[in-house]
């Protein structure tokens, strides 16, 4: 299993690629092999908003 830091770094890259921090957008547009948002939240024991804050990305990136 990946460390929390590795998980958050992968999430950050994926959110930047997608161009949105919305949980629904992530789950719909994530690359094959990436875990669901609920799995990430459960692993790091934080809400989605808190997880996104941990990545350092501003909320709701606009394309």
C-alpha atoms as a PDB file:
ATOM      1  CA  UNK A   1       0.000   0.000   0.000  1.00  0.00           C
ATOM      2  CA  UNK A   2       1.187   3.508  -0.792  1.00  0.00           C
ATOM      3  CA  UNK A   3       1.975   6.016   1.923  1.00  0.00           C
ATOM      4  CA  UNK A   4      -0.406   8.912   2.518  1.00  0.00           C
ATOM      5  CA  UNK A   5       2.145  11.268   0.961  1.00  0.00           C
ATOM      6  CA  UNK A   6       2.378   9.175  -2.204  1.00  0.00           C
ATOM      7  CA  UNK A   7      -1.406   8.925  -2.427  1.00  0.00           C
ATOM      8  CA  UNK A   8      -1.808  12.695  -2.056  1.00  0.00           C
ATOM      9  CA  UNK A   9       0.914  13.403  -4.632  1.00  0.00           C
ATOM     10  CA  UNK A  10      -0.767  11.114  -7.182  1.00  0.00           C
ATOM     11  CA  UNK A  11      -4.120  12.725  -6.425  1.00  0.00           C
ATOM     12  CA  UNK A  12      -2.637  16.188  -6.933  1.00  0.00           C
ATOM     13  CA  UNK A  13      -1.282  15.232 -10.359  1.00  0.00           C
ATOM     14  CA  UNK A  14      -4.622  13.733 -11.344  1.00  0.00           C
ATOM     15  CA  UNK A  15      -6.640  16.758 -10.156  1.00  0.00           C
ATOM     16  CA  UNK A  16      -4.346  19.082 -12.103  1.00  0.00           C
ATOM     17  CA  UNK A  17      -4.746  16.919 -15.213  1.00  0.00           C
ATOM     18  CA  UNK A  18      -8.540  16.895 -14.838  1.00  0.00           C
ATOM     19  CA  UNK A  19      -8.723  20.606 -14.023  1.00  0.00           C
ATOM     20  CA  UNK A  20     -11.176  20.238 -11.150  1.00  0.00           C
ATOM     21  CA  UNK A  21     -11.096  19.411  -7.462  1.00  0.00           C
ATOM     22  CA  UNK A  22     -14.714  18.259  -7.342  1.00  0.00           C
ATOM     23  CA  UNK A  23     -15.083  14.741  -6.019  1.00  0.00           C
ATOM     24  CA  UNK A  24     -17.585  13.787  -8.712  1.00  0.00           C
ATOM     25  CA  UNK A  25     -15.312  15.039 -11.505  1.00  0.00           C
ATOM     26  CA  UNK A  26     -12.388  13.073 -10.098  1.00  0.00           C
ATOM     27  CA  UNK A  27     -14.382   9.838  -9.922  1.00  0.00           C
ATOM     28  CA  UNK A  28     -15.737  10.292 -13.454  1.00  0.00           C
ATOM     29  CA  UNK A  29     -12.498  11.420 -15.128  1.00  0.00           C
ATOM     30  CA  UNK A  30      -9.736   9.631 -13.206  1.00  0.00           C
ATOM     31  CA  UNK A  31      -7.367   7.452 -15.170  1.00  0.00           C
ATOM     32  CA  UNK A  32      -7.760   3.704 -15.165  1.00  0.00           C
ATOM     33  CA  UNK A  33      -5.962   2.258 -12.172  1.00  0.00           C
ATOM     34  CA  UNK A  34      -6.504   5.279  -9.923  1.00  0.00           C
ATOM     35  CA  UNK A  35      -8.504   4.561  -6.776  1.00  0.00           C
ATOM     36  CA  UNK A  36     -11.913   6.071  -6.080  1.00  0.00           C
ATOM     37  CA  UNK A  37     -12.203   9.224  -4.016  1.00  0.00           C
ATOM     38  CA  UNK A  38     -13.926   7.345  -1.204  1.00  0.00           C
ATOM     39  CA  UNK A  39     -10.970   4.964  -0.978  1.00  0.00           C
ATOM     40  CA  UNK A  40      -8.547   7.887  -0.705  1.00  0.00           C
ATOM     41  CA  UNK A  41     -10.654   9.494   2.030  1.00  0.00           C
ATOM     42  CA  UNK A  42     -10.827   6.241   3.952  1.00  0.00           C
ATOM     43  CA  UNK A  43      -7.058   5.662   3.676  1.00  0.00           C
ATOM     44  CA  UNK A  44      -6.061   9.085   4.950  1.00  0.00           C
ATOM     45  CA  UNK A  45      -9.044   9.381   7.325  1.00  0.00           C
ATOM     46  CA  UNK A  46     -10.104  12.803   6.011  1.00  0.00           C
ATOM     47  CA  UNK A  47     -13.079  14.244   4.144  1.00  0.00           C
ATOM     48  CA  UNK A  48     -12.693  15.007   0.421  1.00  0.00           C
ATOM     49  CA  UNK A  49     -12.371  18.744   1.118  1.00  0.00           C
ATOM     50  CA  UNK A  50      -9.622  18.050   3.666  1.00  0.00           C
ATOM     51  CA  UNK A  51      -7.858  15.675   1.269  1.00  0.00           C
ATOM     52  CA  UNK A  52      -7.830  18.308  -1.480  1.00  0.00           C
ATOM     53  CA  UNK A  53      -6.507  20.894   0.987  1.00  0.00           C
ATOM     54  CA  UNK A  54      -3.686  18.477   1.891  1.00  0.00           C
ATOM     55  CA  UNK A  55      -2.607  18.405  -1.781  1.00  0.00           C
ATOM     56  CA  UNK A  56      -2.102  22.176  -1.711  1.00  0.00           C
ATOM     57  CA  UNK A  57      -4.390  22.779  -4.688  1.00  0.00           C
ATOM     58  CA  UNK A  58      -6.844  25.659  -4.646  1.00  0.00           C
ATOM     59  CA  UNK A  59     -10.457  24.431  -4.716  1.00  0.00           C
ATOM     60  CA  UNK A  60     -12.387  24.248  -7.926  1.00  0.00           C
ATOM     61  CA  UNK A  61      -9.751  24.827 -10.557  1.00  0.00           C
ATOM     62  CA  UNK A  62     -11.315  26.220 -13.696  1.00  0.00           C
ATOM     63  CA  UNK A  63     -10.382  24.918 -17.108  1.00  0.00           C
END
